[in-house]
PDB file of N, CA and C in Angstrom:
ATOM      1  N   MET A   1      75.064 103.102 113.350  1.00  0.00           N
ATOM      2  CA  MET A   1      76.185 102.401 112.771  1.00  0.00           C
ATOM      3  C   MET A   1      77.151 103.435 112.187  1.00  0.00           C
ATOM      4  N   TYR A   2      78.423 103.201 112.402  1.00  0.00           N
ATOM      5  CA  TYR A   2      79.469 104.061 111.869  1.00  0.00           C
ATOM      6  C   TYR A   2      80.311 103.260 110.883  1.00  0.00           C
ATOM      7  N   VAL A   3      80.734 103.919 109.829  1.00  0.00           N
ATOM      8  CA  VAL A   3      81.548 103.267 108.813  1.00  0.00           C
ATOM      9  C   VAL A   3      82.812 104.087 108.587  1.00  0.00           C
ATOM     10  N   GLU A   4      83.941 103.440 108.697  1.00  0.00           N
ATOM     11  CA  GLU A   4      85.230 104.036 108.340  1.00  0.00           C
ATOM     12  C   GLU A   4      85.608 103.457 106.984  1.00  0.00           C
ATOM     13  N   VAL A   5      86.147 104.287 106.118  1.00  0.00           N
ATOM     14  CA  VAL A   5      86.442 103.868 104.750  1.00  0.00           C
ATOM     15  C   VAL A   5      87.936 103.980 104.484  1.00  0.00           C
ATOM     16  N   ALA A   6      88.462 102.988 103.775  1.00  0.00           N
ATOM     17  CA  ALA A   6      89.874 102.994 103.391  1.00  0.00           C
ATOM     18  C   ALA A   6      89.999 102.393 101.997  1.00  0.00           C
ATOM     19  N   ARG A   7      91.057 102.779 101.340  1.00  0.00           N
ATOM     20  CA  ARG A   7      91.349 102.218 100.019  1.00  0.00           C
ATOM     21  C   ARG A   7      92.707 101.535 100.100  1.00  0.00           C
ATOM     22  N   LEU A   8      92.728 100.244  99.810  1.00  0.00           N
ATOM     23  CA  LEU A   8      93.978  99.489  99.825  1.00  0.00           C
ATOM     24  C   LEU A   8      94.543  99.507  98.412  1.00  0.00           C
ATOM     25  N   ARG A   9      95.713 100.022  98.282  1.00  0.00           N
ATOM     26  CA  ARG A   9      96.336 100.127  96.956  1.00  0.00           C
ATOM     27  C   ARG A   9      97.221  98.932  96.688  1.00  0.00           C
ATOM     28  N   SER A  10      97.300  98.567  95.432  1.00  0.00           N
ATOM     29  CA  SER A  10      98.193  97.464  95.048  1.00  0.00           C
ATOM     30  C   SER A  10      99.614  97.990  94.961  1.00  0.00           C
ATOM     31  N   GLY A  11     100.533  97.076  94.871  1.00  0.00           N
ATOM     32  CA  GLY A  11     101.939  97.466  94.767  1.00  0.00           C
ATOM     33  C   GLY A  11     102.575  97.627  96.126  1.00  0.00           C
ATOM     34  N   GLY A  12     103.815  98.006  96.103  1.00  0.00           N
ATOM     35  CA  GLY A  12     104.544  98.143  97.353  1.00  0.00           C
ATOM     36  C   GLY A  12     105.014  96.787  97.849  1.00  0.00           C
ATOM     37  N   SER A  13     105.713  96.816  98.958  1.00  0.00           N
ATOM     38  CA  SER A  13     106.282  95.569  99.459  1.00  0.00           C
ATOM     39  C   SER A  13     105.340  94.826 100.395  1.00  0.00           C
ATOM     40  N   GLN A  14     104.311  95.497 100.886  1.00  0.00           N
ATOM     41  CA  GLN A  14     103.414  94.837 101.832  1.00  0.00           C
ATOM     42  C   GLN A  14     102.350  94.019 101.114  1.00  0.00           C
ATOM     43  N   HIS A  15     102.100  92.853 101.643  1.00  0.00           N
ATOM     44  CA  HIS A  15     101.028  91.992 101.163  1.00  0.00           C
ATOM     45  C   HIS A  15      99.698  92.637 101.532  1.00  0.00           C
ATOM     46  N   LEU A  16      98.656  92.372 100.781  1.00  0.00           N
ATOM     47  CA  LEU A  16      97.343  92.978 101.016  1.00  0.00           C
ATOM     48  C   LEU A  16      96.824  92.693 102.429  1.00  0.00           C
ATOM     49  N   THR A  17      97.086  91.506 102.949  1.00  0.00           N
ATOM     50  CA  THR A  17      96.649  91.170 104.304  1.00  0.00           C
ATOM     51  C   THR A  17      97.317  92.084 105.326  1.00  0.00           C
ATOM     52  N   SER A  18      98.605  92.332 105.163  1.00  0.00           N
ATOM     53  CA  SER A  18      99.337  93.224 106.065  1.00  0.00           C
ATOM     54  C   SER A  18      98.814  94.649 105.958  1.00  0.00           C
ATOM     55  N   LYS A  19      98.473  95.061 104.742  1.00  0.00           N
ATOM     56  CA  LYS A  19      97.934  96.412 104.551  1.00  0.00           C
ATOM     57  C   LYS A  19      96.596  96.563 105.265  1.00  0.00           C
ATOM     58  N   LEU A  20      95.742  95.549 105.150  1.00  0.00           N
ATOM     59  CA  LEU A  20      94.448  95.610 105.833  1.00  0.00           C
ATOM     60  C   LEU A  20      94.653  95.619 107.346  1.00  0.00           C
ATOM     61  N   ALA A  21      95.582  94.832 107.843  1.00  0.00           N
ATOM     62  CA  ALA A  21      95.871  94.819 109.286  1.00  0.00           C
ATOM     63  C   ALA A  21      96.314  96.200 109.749  1.00  0.00           C
ATOM     64  N   ARG A  22      97.169  96.847 108.977  1.00  0.00           N
ATOM     65  CA  ARG A  22      97.632  98.191 109.334  1.00  0.00           C
ATOM     66  C   ARG A  22      96.472  99.185 109.354  1.00  0.00           C
ATOM     67  N   VAL A  23      95.599  99.116 108.355  1.00  0.00           N
ATOM     68  CA  VAL A  23      94.450 100.015 108.286  1.00  0.00           C
ATOM     69  C   VAL A  23      93.500  99.764 109.464  1.00  0.00           C
ATOM     70  N   LEU A  24      93.261  98.498 109.793  1.00  0.00           N
ATOM     71  CA  LEU A  24      92.407  98.187 110.939  1.00  0.00           C
ATOM     72  C   LEU A  24      92.986  98.780 112.219  1.00  0.00           C
ATOM     73  N   ALA A  25      94.290  98.628 112.410  1.00  0.00           N
ATOM     74  CA  ALA A  25      94.943  99.171 113.608  1.00  0.00           C
ATOM     75  C   ALA A  25      94.840 100.695 113.639  1.00  0.00           C
ATOM     76  N   ASP A  26      94.922 101.326 112.477  1.00  0.00           N
ATOM     77  CA  ASP A  26      94.825 102.784 112.405  1.00  0.00           C
ATOM     78  C   ASP A  26      93.399 103.286 112.645  1.00  0.00           C
ATOM     79  N   LYS A  27      92.405 102.560 112.148  1.00  0.00           N
ATOM     80  CA  LYS A  27      91.017 103.047 112.159  1.00  0.00           C
ATOM     81  C   LYS A  27      90.221 102.660 113.401  1.00  0.00           C
ATOM     82  N   ILE A  28      90.629 101.636 114.133  1.00  0.00           N
ATOM     83  CA  ILE A  28      89.799 101.131 115.233  1.00  0.00           C
ATOM     84  C   ILE A  28      89.503 102.205 116.276  1.00  0.00           C
ATOM     85  N   GLY A  29      90.437 103.066 116.548  1.00  0.00           N
ATOM     86  CA  GLY A  29      90.233 104.113 117.535  1.00  0.00           C
ATOM     87  C   GLY A  29      89.242 105.173 117.100  1.00  0.00           C
ATOM     88  N   GLN A  30      88.933 105.221 115.808  1.00  0.00           N
ATOM     89  CA  GLN A  30      87.986 106.198 115.290  1.00  0.00           C
ATOM     90  C   GLN A  30      86.535 105.726 115.402  1.00  0.00           C
ATOM     91  N   LEU A  31      86.352 104.436 115.710  1.00  0.00           N
ATOM     92  CA  LEU A  31      84.997 103.905 115.854  1.00  0.00           C
ATOM     93  C   LEU A  31      84.503 104.167 117.272  1.00  0.00           C
ATOM     94  N   PRO A  32      83.337 104.816 117.422  1.00  0.00           N
ATOM     95  CA  PRO A  32      82.832 105.107 118.762  1.00  0.00           C
ATOM     96  C   PRO A  32      82.397 103.824 119.473  1.00  0.00           C
ATOM     97  N   PRO A  33      82.493 103.795 120.800  1.00  0.00           N
ATOM     98  CA  PRO A  33      82.179 102.571 121.537  1.00  0.00           C
ATOM     99  C   PRO A  33      80.693 102.252 121.650  1.00  0.00           C
ATOM    100  N   GLY A  34      79.804 103.186 121.408  1.00  0.00           N
ATOM    101  CA  GLY A  34      78.386 102.968 121.667  1.00  0.00           C
ATOM    102  C   GLY A  34      77.541 102.518 120.501  1.00  0.00           C
ATOM    103  N   ALA A  35      78.143 102.167 119.383  1.00  0.00           N
ATOM    104  CA  ALA A  35      77.361 101.773 118.202  1.00  0.00           C
ATOM    105  C   ALA A  35      78.162 100.792 117.354  1.00  0.00           C
ATOM    106  N   GLY A  36      77.484 100.166 116.421  1.00  0.00           N
ATOM    107  CA  GLY A  36      78.162  99.258 115.503  1.00  0.00           C
ATOM    108  C   GLY A  36      79.151 100.014 114.633  1.00  0.00           C
ATOM    109  N   GLY A  37      80.281  99.401 114.369  1.00  0.00           N
ATOM    110  CA  GLY A  37      81.309 100.028 113.541  1.00  0.00           C
ATOM    111  C   GLY A  37      81.807  99.079 112.480  1.00  0.00           C
ATOM    112  N   VAL A  38      81.918  99.583 111.267  1.00  0.00           N
ATOM    113  CA  VAL A  38      82.348  98.779 110.120  1.00  0.00           C
ATOM    114  C   VAL A  38      83.508  99.475 109.431  1.00  0.00           C
ATOM    115  N   LEU A  39      84.482  98.694 109.027  1.00  0.00           N
ATOM    116  CA  LEU A  39      85.528  99.212 108.148  1.00  0.00           C
ATOM    117  C   LEU A  39      85.183  98.756 106.742  1.00  0.00           C
ATOM    118  N   ALA A  40      85.005  99.705 105.839  1.00  0.00           N
ATOM    119  CA  ALA A  40      84.781  99.402 104.428  1.00  0.00           C
ATOM    120  C   ALA A  40      86.086  99.663 103.701  1.00  0.00           C
ATOM    121  N   ALA A  41      86.610  98.640 103.054  1.00  0.00           N
ATOM    122  CA  ALA A  41      87.892  98.765 102.363  1.00  0.00           C
ATOM    123  C   ALA A  41      87.720  98.440 100.887  1.00  0.00           C
ATOM    124  N   ALA A  42      88.146  99.372 100.047  1.00  0.00           N
ATOM    125  CA  ALA A  42      88.143  99.146  98.601  1.00  0.00           C
ATOM    126  C   ALA A  42      89.439  98.434  98.245  1.00  0.00           C
ATOM    127  N   LEU A  43      89.307  97.301  97.594  1.00  0.00           N
ATOM    128  CA  LEU A  43      90.465  96.499  97.204  1.00  0.00           C
ATOM    129  C   LEU A  43      90.915  96.871  95.798  1.00  0.00           C
ATOM    130  N   PRO A  44      92.180  96.625  95.494  1.00  0.00           N
ATOM    131  CA  PRO A  44      92.641  96.867  94.124  1.00  0.00           C
ATOM    132  C   PRO A  44      91.895  95.971  93.128  1.00  0.00           C
ATOM    133  N   THR A  45      91.805  96.408  91.899  1.00  0.00           N
ATOM    134  CA  THR A  45      91.146  95.641  90.851  1.00  0.00           C
ATOM    135  C   THR A  45      91.738  94.243  90.770  1.00  0.00           C
ATOM    136  N   GLY A  46      90.856  93.256  90.780  1.00  0.00           N
ATOM    137  CA  GLY A  46      91.286  91.867  90.636  1.00  0.00           C
ATOM    138  C   GLY A  46      91.827  91.217  91.893  1.00  0.00           C
ATOM    139  N   ALA A  47      91.918  91.954  92.990  1.00  0.00           N
ATOM    140  CA  ALA A  47      92.440  91.371  94.238  1.00  0.00           C
ATOM    141  C   ALA A  47      91.415  90.405  94.817  1.00  0.00           C
ATOM    142  N   PRO A  48      91.858  89.241  95.281  1.00  0.00           N
ATOM    143  CA  PRO A  48      90.917  88.306  95.897  1.00  0.00           C
ATOM    144  C   PRO A  48      90.550  88.757  97.312  1.00  0.00           C
ATOM    145  N   ALA A  49      89.256  88.714  97.657  1.00  0.00           N
ATOM    146  CA  ALA A  49      88.836  89.093  99.010  1.00  0.00           C
ATOM    147  C   ALA A  49      89.056  87.923  99.958  1.00  0.00           C
ATOM    148  N   GLY A  50      88.647  86.713  99.521  1.00  0.00           N
ATOM    149  CA  GLY A  50      88.858  85.490 100.295  1.00  0.00           C
ATOM    150  C   GLY A  50      88.824  85.702 101.795  1.00  0.00           C
ATOM    151  N   PRO A  51      89.765  85.082 102.499  1.00  0.00           N
ATOM    152  CA  PRO A  51      89.808  85.211 103.962  1.00  0.00           C
ATOM    153  C   PRO A  51      90.643  86.410 104.415  1.00  0.00           C
ATOM    154  N   LEU A  52      90.623  87.484 103.662  1.00  0.00           N
ATOM    155  CA  LEU A  52      91.478  88.642 103.939  1.00  0.00           C
ATOM    156  C   LEU A  52      91.246  89.221 105.335  1.00  0.00           C
ATOM    157  N   ALA A  53      89.993  89.453 105.720  1.00  0.00           N
ATOM    158  CA  ALA A  53      89.711  90.058 107.030  1.00  0.00           C
ATOM    159  C   ALA A  53      90.138  89.149 108.184  1.00  0.00           C
ATOM    160  N   PRO A  54      89.731  87.869 108.208  1.00  0.00           N
ATOM    161  CA  PRO A  54      90.178  87.024 109.319  1.00  0.00           C
ATOM    162  C   PRO A  54      91.698  86.871 109.377  1.00  0.00           C
ATOM    163  N   ASP A  55      92.348  86.824 108.218  1.00  0.00           N
ATOM    164  CA  ASP A  55      93.811  86.713 108.192  1.00  0.00           C
ATOM    165  C   ASP A  55      94.465  87.971 108.760  1.00  0.00           C
ATOM    166  N   ALA A  56      93.911  89.141 108.426  1.00  0.00           N
ATOM    167  CA  ALA A  56      94.454  90.399 108.955  1.00  0.00           C
ATOM    168  C   ALA A  56      94.277  90.464 110.471  1.00  0.00           C
ATOM    169  N   LEU A  57      93.145  89.992 110.960  1.00  0.00           N
ATOM    170  CA  LEU A  57      92.913  89.992 112.408  1.00  0.00           C
ATOM    171  C   LEU A  57      93.868  89.033 113.121  1.00  0.00           C
ATOM    172  N   ARG A  58      94.167  87.910 112.490  1.00  0.00           N
ATOM    173  CA  ARG A  58      95.149  86.984 113.082  1.00  0.00           C
ATOM    174  C   ARG A  58      96.530  87.620 113.133  1.00  0.00           C
ATOM    175  N   LEU A  59      96.905  88.351 112.076  1.00  0.00           N
ATOM    176  CA  LEU A  59      98.193  89.060 112.086  1.00  0.00           C
ATOM    177  C   LEU A  59      98.253  90.065 113.232  1.00  0.00           C
ATOM    178  N   LEU A  60      97.175  90.798 113.442  1.00  0.00           N
ATOM    179  CA  LEU A  60      97.142  91.781 114.525  1.00  0.00           C
ATOM    180  C   LEU A  60      97.225  91.112 115.899  1.00  0.00           C
ATOM    181  N   ALA A  61      96.558  89.972 116.046  1.00  0.00           N
ATOM    182  CA  ALA A  61      96.616  89.251 117.325  1.00  0.00           C
ATOM    183  C   ALA A  61      98.041  88.783 117.604  1.00  0.00           C
ATOM    184  N   ARG A  62      98.717  88.279 116.576  1.00  0.00           N
ATOM    185  CA  ARG A  62     100.115  87.844 116.757  1.00  0.00           C
ATOM    186  C   ARG A  62     101.019  89.044 117.029  1.00  0.00           C
ATOM    187  N   ALA A  63     100.758  90.167 116.378  1.00  0.00           N
ATOM    188  CA  ALA A  63     101.564  91.376 116.609  1.00  0.00           C
ATOM    189  C   ALA A  63     101.375  91.887 118.033  1.00  0.00           C
ATOM    190  N   ALA A  64     100.167  91.728 118.571  1.00  0.00           N
ATOM    191  CA  ALA A  64      99.916  92.144 119.948  1.00  0.00           C
ATOM    192  C   ALA A  64     100.719  91.301 120.932  1.00  0.00           C
ATOM    193  N   GLN A  65     101.082  90.093 120.507  1.00  0.00           N
ATOM    194  CA  GLN A  65     101.895  89.204 121.341  1.00  0.00           C
ATOM    195  C   GLN A  65     103.387  89.412 121.124  1.00  0.00           C
ATOM    196  N   GLY A  66     103.741  90.349 120.234  1.00  0.00           N
ATOM    197  CA  GLY A  66     105.144  90.681 120.036  1.00  0.00           C
ATOM    198  C   GLY A  66     105.733  90.315 118.682  1.00  0.00           C
ATOM    199  N   GLU A  67     104.967  89.626 117.841  1.00  0.00           N
ATOM    200  CA  GLU A  67     105.474  89.299 116.506  1.00  0.00           C
ATOM    201  C   GLU A  67     105.561  90.581 115.676  1.00  0.00           C
ATOM    202  N   VAL A  68     106.561  90.687 114.845  1.00  0.00           N
ATOM    203  CA  VAL A  68     106.762  91.894 114.039  1.00  0.00           C
ATOM    204  C   VAL A  68     105.754  91.937 112.894  1.00  0.00           C
ATOM    205  N   LEU A  69     105.062  93.064 112.782  1.00  0.00           N
ATOM    206  CA  LEU A  69     104.144  93.316 111.678  1.00  0.00           C
ATOM    207  C   LEU A  69     104.531  94.667 111.099  1.00  0.00           C
ATOM    208  N   PRO A  70     105.075  94.698 109.874  1.00  0.00           N
ATOM    209  CA  PRO A  70     105.529  95.966 109.295  1.00  0.00           C
ATOM    210  C   PRO A  70     104.424  97.018 109.296  1.00  0.00           C
ATOM    211  N   GLY A  71     104.773  98.198 109.775  1.00  0.00           N
ATOM    212  CA  GLY A  71     103.833  99.312 109.785  1.00  0.00           C
ATOM    213  C   GLY A  71     102.925  99.364 110.993  1.00  0.00           C
ATOM    214  N   VAL A  72     102.992  98.347 111.860  1.00  0.00           N
ATOM    215  CA  VAL A  72     102.136  98.325 113.046  1.00  0.00           C
ATOM    216  C   VAL A  72     103.015  98.077 114.270  1.00  0.00           C
ATOM    217  N   PRO A  73     103.281  99.114 115.059  1.00  0.00           N
ATOM    218  CA  PRO A  73     104.060  98.918 116.278  1.00  0.00           C
ATOM    219  C   PRO A  73     103.297  98.013 117.261  1.00  0.00           C
ATOM    220  N   PRO A  74     104.000  97.264 118.093  1.00  0.00           N
ATOM    221  CA  PRO A  74     103.317  96.356 119.035  1.00  0.00           C
ATOM    222  C   PRO A  74     102.284  97.047 119.916  1.00  0.00           C
ATOM    223  N   GLU A  75     102.557  98.285 120.349  1.00  0.00           N
ATOM    224  CA  GLU A  75     101.590  98.974 121.203  1.00  0.00           C
ATOM    225  C   GLU A  75     100.300  99.295 120.444  1.00  0.00           C
ATOM    226  N   LYS A  76     100.411  99.546 119.147  1.00  0.00           N
ATOM    227  CA  LYS A  76      99.215  99.803 118.338  1.00  0.00           C
ATOM    228  C   LYS A  76      98.415  98.503 118.150  1.00  0.00           C
ATOM    229  N   ALA A  77      99.105  97.392 117.981  1.00  0.00           N
ATOM    230  CA  ALA A  77      98.431  96.096 117.860  1.00  0.00           C
ATOM    231  C   ALA A  77      97.733  95.740 119.173  1.00  0.00           C
ATOM    232  N   ARG A  78      98.376  96.021 120.306  1.00  0.00           N
ATOM    233  CA  ARG A  78      97.742  95.765 121.606  1.00  0.00           C
ATOM    234  C   ARG A  78      96.517  96.666 121.798  1.00  0.00           C
ATOM    235  N   ALA A  79      96.617  97.914 121.359  1.00  0.00           N
ATOM    236  CA  ALA A  79      95.464  98.818 121.437  1.00  0.00           C
ATOM    237  C   ALA A  79      94.315  98.282 120.589  1.00  0.00           C
ATOM    238  N   PHE A  80      94.637  97.769 119.408  1.00  0.00           N
ATOM    239  CA  PHE A  80      93.593  97.181 118.562  1.00  0.00           C
ATOM    240  C   PHE A  80      92.898  96.032 119.294  1.00  0.00           C
ATOM    241  N   GLU A  81      93.677  95.165 119.911  1.00  0.00           N
ATOM    242  CA  GLU A  81      93.099  94.022 120.614  1.00  0.00           C
ATOM    243  C   GLU A  81      92.151  94.480 121.730  1.00  0.00           C
ATOM    244  N   ARG A  82      92.491  95.563 122.423  1.00  0.00           N
ATOM    245  CA  ARG A  82      91.617  96.089 123.476  1.00  0.00           C
ATOM    246  C   ARG A  82      90.318  96.660 122.897  1.00  0.00           C
ATOM    247  N   LEU A  83      90.412  97.264 121.722  1.00  0.00           N
ATOM    248  CA  LEU A  83      89.264  97.970 121.133  1.00  0.00           C
ATOM    249  C   LEU A  83      88.507  97.162 120.084  1.00  0.00           C
ATOM    250  N   ARG A  84      88.945  95.951 119.793  1.00  0.00           N
ATOM    251  CA  ARG A  84      88.349  95.203 118.676  1.00  0.00           C
ATOM    252  C   ARG A  84      86.864  94.914 118.855  1.00  0.00           C
ATOM    253  N   VAL A  85      86.337  94.996 120.087  1.00  0.00           N
ATOM    254  CA  VAL A  85      84.896  94.797 120.286  1.00  0.00           C
ATOM    255  C   VAL A  85      84.080  95.894 119.604  1.00  0.00           C
ATOM    256  N   ARG A  86      84.719  97.022 119.268  1.00  0.00           N
ATOM    257  CA  ARG A  86      84.028  98.094 118.545  1.00  0.00           C
ATOM    258  C   ARG A  86      83.778  97.732 117.081  1.00  0.00           C
ATOM    259  N   LEU A  87      84.523  96.766 116.566  1.00  0.00           N
ATOM    260  CA  LEU A  87      84.438  96.404 115.153  1.00  0.00           C
ATOM    261  C   LEU A  87      83.323  95.388 114.939  1.00  0.00           C
ATOM    262  N   SER A  88      82.260  95.817 114.283  1.00  0.00           N
ATOM    263  CA  SER A  88      81.151  94.913 113.979  1.00  0.00           C
ATOM    264  C   SER A  88      81.443  94.063 112.758  1.00  0.00           C
ATOM    265  N   GLY A  89      82.282  94.582 111.864  1.00  0.00           N
ATOM    266  CA  GLY A  89      82.607  93.811 110.676  1.00  0.00           C
ATOM    267  C   GLY A  89      83.487  94.580 109.718  1.00  0.00           C
ATOM    268  N   VAL A  90      83.922  93.855 108.696  1.00  0.00           N
ATOM    269  CA  VAL A  90      84.756  94.423 107.639  1.00  0.00           C
ATOM    270  C   VAL A  90      84.058  94.163 106.315  1.00  0.00           C
ATOM    271  N   LEU A  91      83.855  95.228 105.571  1.00  0.00           N
ATOM    272  CA  LEU A  91      83.221  95.155 104.256  1.00  0.00           C
ATOM    273  C   LEU A  91      84.307  95.369 103.209  1.00  0.00           C
ATOM    274  N   LEU A  92      84.498  94.384 102.346  1.00  0.00           N
ATOM    275  CA  LEU A  92      85.510  94.470 101.293  1.00  0.00           C
ATOM    276  C   LEU A  92      84.811  94.656  99.957  1.00  0.00           C
ATOM    277  N   LEU A  93      85.221  95.692  99.223  1.00  0.00           N
ATOM    278  CA  LEU A  93      84.640  96.003  97.920  1.00  0.00           C
ATOM    279  C   LEU A  93      85.719  95.810  96.868  1.00  0.00           C
ATOM    280  N   ARG A  94      85.435  94.970  95.916  1.00  0.00           N
ATOM    281  CA  ARG A  94      86.405  94.693  94.857  1.00  0.00           C
ATOM    282  C   ARG A  94      85.791  95.082  93.527  1.00  0.00           C
ATOM    283  N   THR A  95      86.445  96.015  92.843  1.00  0.00           N
ATOM    284  CA  THR A  95      85.935  96.453  91.543  1.00  0.00           C
ATOM    285  C   THR A  95      86.337  95.448  90.472  1.00  0.00           C
ATOM    286  N   GLY A  96      85.551  95.427  89.433  1.00  0.00           N
ATOM    287  CA  GLY A  96      85.843  94.531  88.323  1.00  0.00           C
ATOM    288  C   GLY A  96      86.819  95.152  87.345  1.00  0.00           C
ATOM    289  N   GLU A  97      87.155  94.411  86.330  1.00  0.00           N
ATOM    290  CA  GLU A  97      88.062  94.895  85.288  1.00  0.00           C
ATOM    291  C   GLU A  97      87.404  95.983  84.446  1.00  0.00           C
ATOM    292  N   VAL A  98      86.073  95.911  84.330  1.00  0.00           N
ATOM    293  CA  VAL A  98      85.318  96.891  83.545  1.00  0.00           C
ATOM    294  C   VAL A  98      84.741  97.925  84.518  1.00  0.00           C
ATOM    295  N   PRO A  99      85.028  99.207  84.329  1.00  0.00           N
ATOM    296  CA  PRO A  99      84.575 100.230  85.281  1.00  0.00           C
ATOM    297  C   PRO A  99      83.066 100.252  85.527  1.00  0.00           C
ATOM    298  N   ALA A 100      82.261  99.882  84.556  1.00  0.00           N
ATOM    299  CA  ALA A 100      80.808  99.946  84.720  1.00  0.00           C
ATOM    300  C   ALA A 100      80.260  98.806  85.575  1.00  0.00           C
ATOM    301  N   GLU A 101      81.068  97.789  85.840  1.00  0.00           N
ATOM    302  CA  GLU A 101      80.605  96.658  86.641  1.00  0.00           C
ATOM    303  C   GLU A 101      80.384  97.081  88.094  1.00  0.00           C
ATOM    304  N   SER A 102      79.384  96.473  88.710  1.00  0.00           N
ATOM    305  CA  SER A 102      79.176  96.702  90.139  1.00  0.00           C
ATOM    306  C   SER A 102      80.290  96.005  90.910  1.00  0.00           C
ATOM    307  N   PRO A 103      80.716  96.592  92.025  1.00  0.00           N
ATOM    308  CA  PRO A 103      81.783  95.949  92.796  1.00  0.00           C
ATOM    309  C   PRO A 103      81.287  94.669  93.466  1.00  0.00           C
ATOM    310  N   ALA A 104      82.188  93.705  93.598  1.00  0.00           N
ATOM    311  CA  ALA A 104      81.886  92.492  94.357  1.00  0.00           C
ATOM    312  C   ALA A 104      82.025  92.859  95.830  1.00  0.00           C
ATOM    313  N   VAL A 105      81.062  92.445  96.642  1.00  0.00           N
ATOM    314  CA  VAL A 105      81.033  92.810  98.053  1.00  0.00           C
ATOM    315  C   VAL A 105      81.197  91.557  98.899  1.00  0.00           C
ATOM    316  N   THR A 106      82.130  91.613  99.842  1.00  0.00           N
ATOM    317  CA  THR A 106      82.328  90.532 100.805  1.00  0.00           C
ATOM    318  C   THR A 106      82.248  91.146 102.198  1.00  0.00           C
ATOM    319  N   PHE A 107      81.445  90.544 103.067  1.00  0.00           N
ATOM    320  CA  PHE A 107      81.330  91.059 104.424  1.00  0.00           C
ATOM    321  C   PHE A 107      81.778  89.989 105.407  1.00  0.00           C
ATOM    322  N   TRP A 108      82.637  90.393 106.332  1.00  0.00           N
ATOM    323  CA  TRP A 108      83.040  89.524 107.436  1.00  0.00           C
ATOM    324  C   TRP A 108      82.480  90.127 108.707  1.00  0.00           C
ATOM    325  N   GLY A 109      81.629  89.382 109.407  1.00  0.00           N
ATOM    326  CA  GLY A 109      81.043  89.867 110.650  1.00  0.00           C
ATOM    327  C   GLY A 109      81.851  89.395 111.845  1.00  0.00           C
ATOM    328  N   HIS A 110      82.107  90.305 112.765  1.00  0.00           N
ATOM    329  CA  HIS A 110      82.864  89.990 113.974  1.00  0.00           C
ATOM    330  C   HIS A 110      81.899  89.461 115.037  1.00  0.00           C
ATOM    331  N   GLY A 111      81.992  88.177 115.329  1.00  0.00           N
ATOM    332  CA  GLY A 111      81.101  87.545 116.297  1.00  0.00           C
ATOM    333  C   GLY A 111      81.249  88.080 117.712  1.00  0.00           C
ATOM    334  N   GLY A 112      82.399  88.653 118.048  1.00  0.00           N
ATOM    335  CA  GLY A 112      82.631  89.172 119.391  1.00  0.00           C
ATOM    336  C   GLY A 112      82.379  90.663 119.517  1.00  0.00           C
ATOM    337  N   ALA A 113      81.692  91.243 118.545  1.00  0.00           N
ATOM    338  CA  ALA A 113      81.442  92.696 118.575  1.00  0.00           C
ATOM    339  C   ALA A 113      80.491  93.071 119.699  1.00  0.00           C
ATOM    340  N   ALA A 114      80.752  94.212 120.312  1.00  0.00           N
ATOM    341  CA  ALA A 114      79.856  94.720 121.354  1.00  0.00           C
ATOM    342  C   ALA A 114      78.495  95.085 120.766  1.00  0.00           C
ATOM    343  N   HIS A 115      78.486  95.528 119.506  1.00  0.00           N
ATOM    344  CA  HIS A 115      77.249  95.931 118.838  1.00  0.00           C
ATOM    345  C   HIS A 115      77.190  95.280 117.458  1.00  0.00           C
ATOM    346  N   PRO A 116      76.747  94.012 117.390  1.00  0.00           N
ATOM    347  CA  PRO A 116      76.633  93.358 116.079  1.00  0.00           C
ATOM    348  C   PRO A 116      75.618  94.089 115.203  1.00  0.00           C
ATOM    349  N   LEU A 117      75.812  93.993 113.910  1.00  0.00           N
ATOM    350  CA  LEU A 117      74.897  94.660 112.987  1.00  0.00           C
ATOM    351  C   LEU A 117      73.593  93.897 112.862  1.00  0.00           C
ATOM    352  N   SER A 118      72.526  94.632 112.691  1.00  0.00           N
ATOM    353  CA  SER A 118      71.213  94.016 112.492  1.00  0.00           C
ATOM    354  C   SER A 118      71.158  93.424 111.085  1.00  0.00           C
ATOM    355  N   PRO A 119      70.254  92.467 110.867  1.00  0.00           N
ATOM    356  CA  PRO A 119      70.103  91.917 109.512  1.00  0.00           C
ATOM    357  C   PRO A 119      69.773  93.000 108.485  1.00  0.00           C
ATOM    358  N   ALA A 120      68.993  94.010 108.864  1.00  0.00           N
ATOM    359  CA  ALA A 120      68.645  95.093 107.932  1.00  0.00           C
ATOM    360  C   ALA A 120      69.888  95.896 107.564  1.00  0.00           C
ATOM    361  N   ALA A 121      70.749  96.183 108.536  1.00  0.00           N
ATOM    362  CA  ALA A 121      71.988  96.917 108.247  1.00  0.00           C
ATOM    363  C   ALA A 121      72.905  96.098 107.341  1.00  0.00           C
ATOM    364  N   LEU A 122      72.973  94.805 107.580  1.00  0.00           N
ATOM    365  CA  LEU A 122      73.789  93.934 106.725  1.00  0.00           C
ATOM    366  C   LEU A 122      73.300  93.961 105.283  1.00  0.00           C
ATOM    367  N   ARG A 123      71.989  93.885 105.100  1.00  0.00           N
ATOM    368  CA  ARG A 123      71.429  93.930 103.739  1.00  0.00           C
ATOM    369  C   ARG A 123      71.782  95.238 103.047  1.00  0.00           C
ATOM    370  N   CYS A 124      71.684  96.339 103.762  1.00  0.00           N
ATOM    371  CA  CYS A 124      72.013  97.649 103.177  1.00  0.00           C
ATOM    372  C   CYS A 124      73.478  97.704 102.760  1.00  0.00           C
ATOM    373  N   LEU A 125      74.360  97.178 103.574  1.00  0.00           N
ATOM    374  CA  LEU A 125      75.785  97.215 103.256  1.00  0.00           C
ATOM    375  C   LEU A 125      76.134  96.337 102.057  1.00  0.00           C
ATOM    376  N   GLN A 126      75.417  95.255 101.898  1.00  0.00           N
ATOM    377  CA  GLN A 126      75.770  94.316 100.833  1.00  0.00           C
ATOM    378  C   GLN A 126      75.086  94.617  99.511  1.00  0.00           C
ATOM    379  N   GLU A 127      74.261  95.642  99.467  1.00  0.00           N
ATOM    380  CA  GLU A 127      73.582  95.998  98.215  1.00  0.00           C
ATOM    381  C   GLU A 127      74.342  97.016  97.444  1.00  0.00           C
TER     382      GLU A 127
END
């Protein structure tokens, strides 16, 4: 299993969903085709994880069809769509208001992944 890590910062003009979509488009090519691949993204303090990963993937799918997505050229969105089978899932880590708190972990598993994660790997990621 391979893990790519990114930190999504608050602020700026882009919505968090758009930022995650941009990071996914940037990182997908770094995941090797022969093993499970996960993007672990640290969210800003207090940011809701909710349906962030599925919403970002929908934005990328629409961008691949020609819809404008700031920071993601259409050819990069199309490349993501070709390579998305490499993505086994997205792990979102949200820190609490108090630094000593453990981060809240949300995992979205990609059902169409070429290499889905084993239950043991999922447990390790969520601990």
